[in-house]
C-alpha atoms as a PDB file:
ATOM      1  CA  UNK A   1      -0.019   0.172   0.052  1.00  0.00           C
ATOM      2  CA  UNK A   2       0.966   3.032  -1.049  1.00  0.00           C
ATOM      3  CA  UNK A   3       2.209   6.361   1.881  1.00  0.00           C
ATOM      4  CA  UNK A   4       0.228   8.780   0.336  1.00  0.00           C
ATOM      5  CA  UNK A   5      -3.984   9.178   0.046  1.00  0.00           C
ATOM      6  CA  UNK A   6      -5.302   8.160  -3.986  1.00  0.00           C
ATOM      7  CA  UNK A   7      -8.179   9.458  -5.783  1.00  0.00           C
ATOM      8  CA  UNK A   8      -9.640   6.005  -5.473  1.00  0.00           C
ATOM      9  CA  UNK A   9      -9.795   5.710  -1.681  1.00  0.00           C
ATOM     10  CA  UNK A  10     -12.104   9.067  -1.521  1.00  0.00           C
ATOM     11  CA  UNK A  11     -15.629   8.134  -2.338  1.00  0.00           C
ATOM     12  CA  UNK A  12     -18.227  10.625  -3.121  1.00  0.00           C
ATOM     13  CA  UNK A  13     -19.704  12.299  -0.305  1.00  0.00           C
ATOM     14  CA  UNK A  14     -23.200  10.467  -0.492  1.00  0.00           C
ATOM     15  CA  UNK A  15     -21.823   6.586  -0.210  1.00  0.00           C
ATOM     16  CA  UNK A  16     -19.177   8.423   2.300  1.00  0.00           C
ATOM     17  CA  UNK A  17     -22.877   8.677   4.480  1.00  0.00           C
ATOM     18  CA  UNK A  18     -23.577   5.531   4.787  1.00  0.00           C
ATOM     19  CA  UNK A  19     -20.539   3.928   6.527  1.00  0.00           C
ATOM     20  CA  UNK A  20     -20.124   7.151   8.551  1.00  0.00           C
ATOM     21  CA  UNK A  21     -21.171   6.360  11.463  1.00  0.00           C
ATOM     22  CA  UNK A  22     -18.817   3.265  12.025  1.00  0.00           C
ATOM     23  CA  UNK A  23     -15.934   5.065   9.934  1.00  0.00           C
ATOM     24  CA  UNK A  24     -15.923   7.836  13.038  1.00  0.00           C
ATOM     25  CA  UNK A  25     -15.729   5.286  15.671  1.00  0.00           C
ATOM     26  CA  UNK A  26     -13.072   3.445  14.451  1.00  0.00           C
ATOM     27  CA  UNK A  27     -11.275   7.282  13.119  1.00  0.00           C
ATOM     28  CA  UNK A  28     -11.629   8.139  16.904  1.00  0.00           C
ATOM     29  CA  UNK A  29      -9.991   5.144  18.144  1.00  0.00           C
ATOM     30  CA  UNK A  30      -7.167   5.931  15.617  1.00  0.00           C
ATOM     31  CA  UNK A  31      -6.973   9.047  16.081  1.00  0.00           C
ATOM     32  CA  UNK A  32      -6.855   8.195  19.982  1.00  0.00           C
ATOM     33  CA  UNK A  33      -4.137   6.681  20.170  1.00  0.00           C
ATOM     34  CA  UNK A  34      -1.783   9.630  17.859  1.00  0.00           C
ATOM     35  CA  UNK A  35      -2.565  11.873  20.389  1.00  0.00           C
ATOM     36  CA  UNK A  36       0.350  13.292  22.728  1.00  0.00           C
ATOM     37  CA  UNK A  37      -0.377  15.621  25.409  1.00  0.00           C
ATOM     38  CA  UNK A  38       2.789  17.500  26.467  1.00  0.00           C
ATOM     39  CA  UNK A  39       2.782  19.838  29.356  1.00  0.00           C
ATOM     40  CA  UNK A  40      -0.599  21.864  30.107  1.00  0.00           C
ATOM     41  CA  UNK A  41      -0.997  23.882  26.699  1.00  0.00           C
ATOM     42  CA  UNK A  42       0.483  21.315  23.468  1.00  0.00           C
ATOM     43  CA  UNK A  43      -0.997  18.879  22.032  1.00  0.00           C
ATOM     44  CA  UNK A  44       0.294  16.847  19.079  1.00  0.00           C
ATOM     45  CA  UNK A  45      -2.039  15.286  16.845  1.00  0.00           C
ATOM     46  CA  UNK A  46      -0.351  13.161  14.982  1.00  0.00           C
ATOM     47  CA  UNK A  47      -1.725  11.954  11.250  1.00  0.00           C
ATOM     48  CA  UNK A  48      -1.390   8.970   9.350  1.00  0.00           C
ATOM     49  CA  UNK A  49      -3.472   7.790   5.766  1.00  0.00           C
ATOM     50  CA  UNK A  50      -5.621   6.548   7.527  1.00  0.00           C
ATOM     51  CA  UNK A  51      -6.692   9.745   9.563  1.00  0.00           C
ATOM     52  CA  UNK A  52      -6.342  12.200   6.612  1.00  0.00           C
ATOM     53  CA  UNK A  53      -8.688   9.821   4.380  1.00  0.00           C
ATOM     54  CA  UNK A  54     -11.033  10.571   7.383  1.00  0.00           C
ATOM     55  CA  UNK A  55     -10.882  14.241   7.236  1.00  0.00           C
ATOM     56  CA  UNK A  56     -11.050  14.361   3.294  1.00  0.00           C
ATOM     57  CA  UNK A  57     -13.997  12.180   3.194  1.00  0.00           C
ATOM     58  CA  UNK A  58     -15.524  14.800   6.033  1.00  0.00           C
ATOM     59  CA  UNK A  59     -14.696  17.951   4.161  1.00  0.00           C
ATOM     60  CA  UNK A  60     -16.460  16.573   0.961  1.00  0.00           C
ATOM     61  CA  UNK A  61     -18.899  15.740   2.716  1.00  0.00           C
ATOM     62  CA  UNK A  62     -20.060  19.035   4.586  1.00  0.00           C
ATOM     63  CA  UNK A  63     -18.819  20.906   1.574  1.00  0.00           C
ATOM     64  CA  UNK A  64     -20.598  18.699  -0.681  1.00  0.00           C
ATOM     65  CA  UNK A  65     -17.837  18.697  -2.639  1.00  0.00           C
ATOM     66  CA  UNK A  66     -18.632  16.420  -5.817  1.00  0.00           C
ATOM     67  CA  UNK A  67     -15.877  18.664  -8.791  1.00  0.00           C
ATOM     68  CA  UNK A  68     -13.185  16.327  -9.287  1.00  0.00           C
ATOM     69  CA  UNK A  69     -10.428  18.853  -8.857  1.00  0.00           C
ATOM     70  CA  UNK A  70     -11.710  19.795  -5.958  1.00  0.00           C
ATOM     71  CA  UNK A  71     -11.336  16.380  -4.856  1.00  0.00           C
ATOM     72  CA  UNK A  72      -7.702  16.146  -5.776  1.00  0.00           C
ATOM     73  CA  UNK A  73      -6.815  19.740  -4.943  1.00  0.00           C
ATOM     74  CA  UNK A  74      -8.053  18.373  -1.020  1.00  0.00           C
ATOM     75  CA  UNK A  75      -5.894  15.060  -1.575  1.00  0.00           C
ATOM     76  CA  UNK A  76      -3.031  16.778  -2.131  1.00  0.00           C
ATOM     77  CA  UNK A  77      -3.153  19.371   0.502  1.00  0.00           C
ATOM     78  CA  UNK A  78      -3.321  16.486   2.932  1.00  0.00           C
ATOM     79  CA  UNK A  79      -0.925  14.650   1.189  1.00  0.00           C
ATOM     80  CA  UNK A  80       1.820  17.280   2.472  1.00  0.00           C
ATOM     81  CA  UNK A  81       0.730  16.553   6.143  1.00  0.00           C
ATOM     82  CA  UNK A  82       2.252  13.044   5.353  1.00  0.00           C
ATOM     83  CA  UNK A  83       5.575  14.111   4.914  1.00  0.00           C
ATOM     84  CA  UNK A  84       7.657  12.002   3.556  1.00  0.00           C
ATOM     85  CA  UNK A  85       9.320   8.389   3.485  1.00  0.00           C
ATOM     86  CA  UNK A  86      10.317   8.479   7.446  1.00  0.00           C
ATOM     87  CA  UNK A  87       9.234  11.084   8.378  1.00  0.00           C
ATOM     88  CA  UNK A  88       5.739  11.708  10.748  1.00  0.00           C
ATOM     89  CA  UNK A  89       3.225  14.599  10.292  1.00  0.00           C
ATOM     90  CA  UNK A  90       1.499  16.030  13.080  1.00  0.00           C
ATOM     91  CA  UNK A  91      -0.463  19.011  14.340  1.00  0.00           C
ATOM     92  CA  UNK A  92       0.505  20.795  17.007  1.00  0.00           C
ATOM     93  CA  UNK A  93      -2.117  22.518  19.178  1.00  0.00           C
ATOM     94  CA  UNK A  94      -1.165  25.397  22.079  1.00  0.00           C
ATOM     95  CA  UNK A  95      -3.760  25.383  24.132  1.00  0.00           C
ATOM     96  CA  UNK A  96      -3.945  28.314  26.124  1.00  0.00           C
ATOM     97  CA  UNK A  97      -7.779  28.379  27.392  1.00  0.00           C
ATOM     98  CA  UNK A  98      -7.496  32.127  28.578  1.00  0.00           C
ATOM     99  CA  UNK A  99      -8.529  34.481  25.952  1.00  0.00           C
ATOM    100  CA  UNK A 100      -6.971  36.939  27.929  1.00  0.00           C
ATOM    101  CA  UNK A 101      -3.618  35.374  28.204  1.00  0.00           C
ATOM    102  CA  UNK A 102      -3.530  34.433  24.537  1.00  0.00           C
ATOM    103  CA  UNK A 103      -1.991  37.156  22.380  1.00  0.00           C
ATOM    104  CA  UNK A 104       0.887  37.606  25.420  1.00  0.00           C
ATOM    105  CA  UNK A 105       1.207  34.282  25.483  1.00  0.00           C
ATOM    106  CA  UNK A 106       1.218  33.352  21.378  1.00  0.00           C
ATOM    107  CA  UNK A 107       4.001  36.493  21.461  1.00  0.00           C
ATOM    108  CA  UNK A 108       5.796  35.410  23.906  1.00  0.00           C
ATOM    109  CA  UNK A 109       6.145  31.846  22.548  1.00  0.00           C
ATOM    110  CA  UNK A 110       7.879  33.064  19.089  1.00  0.00           C
ATOM    111  CA  UNK A 111      10.649  30.626  18.137  1.00  0.00           C
ATOM    112  CA  UNK A 112       8.332  27.910  20.130  1.00  0.00           C
ATOM    113  CA  UNK A 113       8.316  25.760  17.290  1.00  0.00           C
ATOM    114  CA  UNK A 114      12.415  25.520  16.735  1.00  0.00           C
ATOM    115  CA  UNK A 115      12.205  23.749  20.228  1.00  0.00           C
ATOM    116  CA  UNK A 116      10.339  20.665  19.897  1.00  0.00           C
ATOM    117  CA  UNK A 117      11.856  17.098  18.988  1.00  0.00           C
ATOM    118  CA  UNK A 118      11.238  13.517  19.738  1.00  0.00           C
ATOM    119  CA  UNK A 119      13.846  11.299  20.953  1.00  0.00           C
ATOM    120  CA  UNK A 120      14.033   7.538  19.165  1.00  0.00           C
ATOM    121  CA  UNK A 121      14.710   4.110  20.174  1.00  0.00           C
ATOM    122  CA  UNK A 122      18.193   4.978  18.314  1.00  0.00           C
ATOM    123  CA  UNK A 123      18.904   7.116  21.512  1.00  0.00           C
ATOM    124  CA  UNK A 124      19.291  10.151  18.885  1.00  0.00           C
ATOM    125  CA  UNK A 125      17.297  13.408  18.979  1.00  0.00           C
ATOM    126  CA  UNK A 126      15.718  15.184  15.689  1.00  0.00           C
ATOM    127  CA  UNK A 127      13.607  18.334  15.946  1.00  0.00           C
ATOM    128  CA  UNK A 128      10.651  19.214  14.188  1.00  0.00           C
ATOM    129  CA  UNK A 129      10.498  20.892  10.972  1.00  0.00           C
ATOM    130  CA  UNK A 130       7.760  23.548  10.394  1.00  0.00           C
ATOM    131  CA  UNK A 131       6.086  26.006   7.750  1.00  0.00           C
ATOM    132  CA  UNK A 132       7.870  29.468   8.775  1.00  0.00           C
ATOM    133  CA  UNK A 133       4.859  31.179   6.971  1.00  0.00           C
ATOM    134  CA  UNK A 134       3.055  29.908   9.753  1.00  0.00           C
ATOM    135  CA  UNK A 135       4.602  31.870  11.856  1.00  0.00           C
ATOM    136  CA  UNK A 136       4.556  35.706  12.108  1.00  0.00           C
ATOM    137  CA  UNK A 137       7.607  38.237  13.219  1.00  0.00           C
ATOM    138  CA  UNK A 138       5.041  38.671  16.381  1.00  0.00           C
ATOM    139  CA  UNK A 139       3.706  35.763  18.107  1.00  0.00           C
ATOM    140  CA  UNK A 140       3.551  31.899  16.876  1.00  0.00           C
ATOM    141  CA  UNK A 141       0.075  30.669  15.197  1.00  0.00           C
ATOM    142  CA  UNK A 142      -1.923  28.650  17.827  1.00  0.00           C
ATOM    143  CA  UNK A 143      -1.817  25.683  15.087  1.00  0.00           C
ATOM    144  CA  UNK A 144       1.320  25.248  13.882  1.00  0.00           C
ATOM    145  CA  UNK A 145       1.654  21.965  11.061  1.00  0.00           C
ATOM    146  CA  UNK A 146       5.319  20.120  11.470  1.00  0.00           C
ATOM    147  CA  UNK A 147       7.436  17.131  10.543  1.00  0.00           C
ATOM    148  CA  UNK A 148       9.584  15.401  12.458  1.00  0.00           C
ATOM    149  CA  UNK A 149      12.280  13.215  10.290  1.00  0.00           C
ATOM    150  CA  UNK A 150      12.973   9.780  12.718  1.00  0.00           C
ATOM    151  CA  UNK A 151      15.303   7.123  11.650  1.00  0.00           C
ATOM    152  CA  UNK A 152      14.499   5.241  14.079  1.00  0.00           C
ATOM    153  CA  UNK A 153      10.863   5.384  16.172  1.00  0.00           C
ATOM    154  CA  UNK A 154      10.370   7.889  18.621  1.00  0.00           C
ATOM    155  CA  UNK A 155      10.229   6.842  22.216  1.00  0.00           C
ATOM    156  CA  UNK A 156       9.338  10.543  23.893  1.00  0.00           C
ATOM    157  CA  UNK A 157       8.515  13.941  22.493  1.00  0.00           C
ATOM    158  CA  UNK A 158       9.816  17.070  24.470  1.00  0.00           C
ATOM    159  CA  UNK A 159      10.040  20.903  24.232  1.00  0.00           C
ATOM    160  CA  UNK A 160      13.541  22.344  25.097  1.00  0.00           C
ATOM    161  CA  UNK A 161      11.951  25.943  24.948  1.00  0.00           C
ATOM    162  CA  UNK A 162      12.848  27.702  27.879  1.00  0.00           C
ATOM    163  CA  UNK A 163       9.371  28.712  28.943  1.00  0.00           C
ATOM    164  CA  UNK A 164       7.419  25.388  28.106  1.00  0.00           C
ATOM    165  CA  UNK A 165      10.737  23.131  28.963  1.00  0.00           C
ATOM    166  CA  UNK A 166       8.806  19.548  29.133  1.00  0.00           C
ATOM    167  CA  UNK A 167      10.190  16.287  27.915  1.00  0.00           C
ATOM    168  CA  UNK A 168       6.601  13.267  27.867  1.00  0.00           C
ATOM    169  CA  UNK A 169       7.945   9.338  27.204  1.00  0.00           C
ATOM    170  CA  UNK A 170       4.743   7.824  24.953  1.00  0.00           C
ATOM    171  CA  UNK A 171       3.090   5.229  26.062  1.00  0.00           C
ATOM    172  CA  UNK A 172       3.269   1.714  24.546  1.00  0.00           C
ATOM    173  CA  UNK A 173       0.415   2.177  22.215  1.00  0.00           C
ATOM    174  CA  UNK A 174       1.084   5.977  20.503  1.00  0.00           C
ATOM    175  CA  UNK A 175       5.098   3.978  20.603  1.00  0.00           C
ATOM    176  CA  UNK A 176       3.314   1.112  18.420  1.00  0.00           C
ATOM    177  CA  UNK A 177       1.325   3.435  16.444  1.00  0.00           C
ATOM    178  CA  UNK A 178       3.950   5.900  15.813  1.00  0.00           C
ATOM    179  CA  UNK A 179       5.721   2.931  15.020  1.00  0.00           C
ATOM    180  CA  UNK A 180       4.021   1.756  12.160  1.00  0.00           C
ATOM    181  CA  UNK A 181       3.139   4.767  10.750  1.00  0.00           C
ATOM    182  CA  UNK A 182       7.143   5.177   9.770  1.00  0.00           C
ATOM    183  CA  UNK A 183       7.117   1.973   8.150  1.00  0.00           C
ATOM    184  CA  UNK A 184       4.013   2.298   6.584  1.00  0.00           C
END
């Protein structure tokens, strides 16, 4: 099976609707295995072919997309989030519950995106790559799309940004899920 989502993987939104409840239940489990909390403010949502196919189907359903060119655009957009072979792609959610704190913290945390790393089974540490277009000159965006290049599977994820120093060991379930994604 190819790592990237293919056009043949996507069904029309009406056919998807027939299997949606079953699909959602399955995907919520898949996503749960790939959700990693780091400290109070950072949540990493690792994606794979299956989770992103689901997201495309949900967008097509919500927006009633039928035009072939629009479907291909969605596939291409989401495939970019998968990264290349040997990479793990994720969305980083920077969660700041108090609205009054949000802008000051996002300003103070500028540079955070370059401080996120994974520790691998071989003992090495790899830093995330990110799209510089997601980072302003005055503050970081609350949602970041990151890629980690992993020559071996990850065992922990961490941050060495001074205000958010933390490292968390991945659970066995998370390690198995991410290792499977790397080998797909």
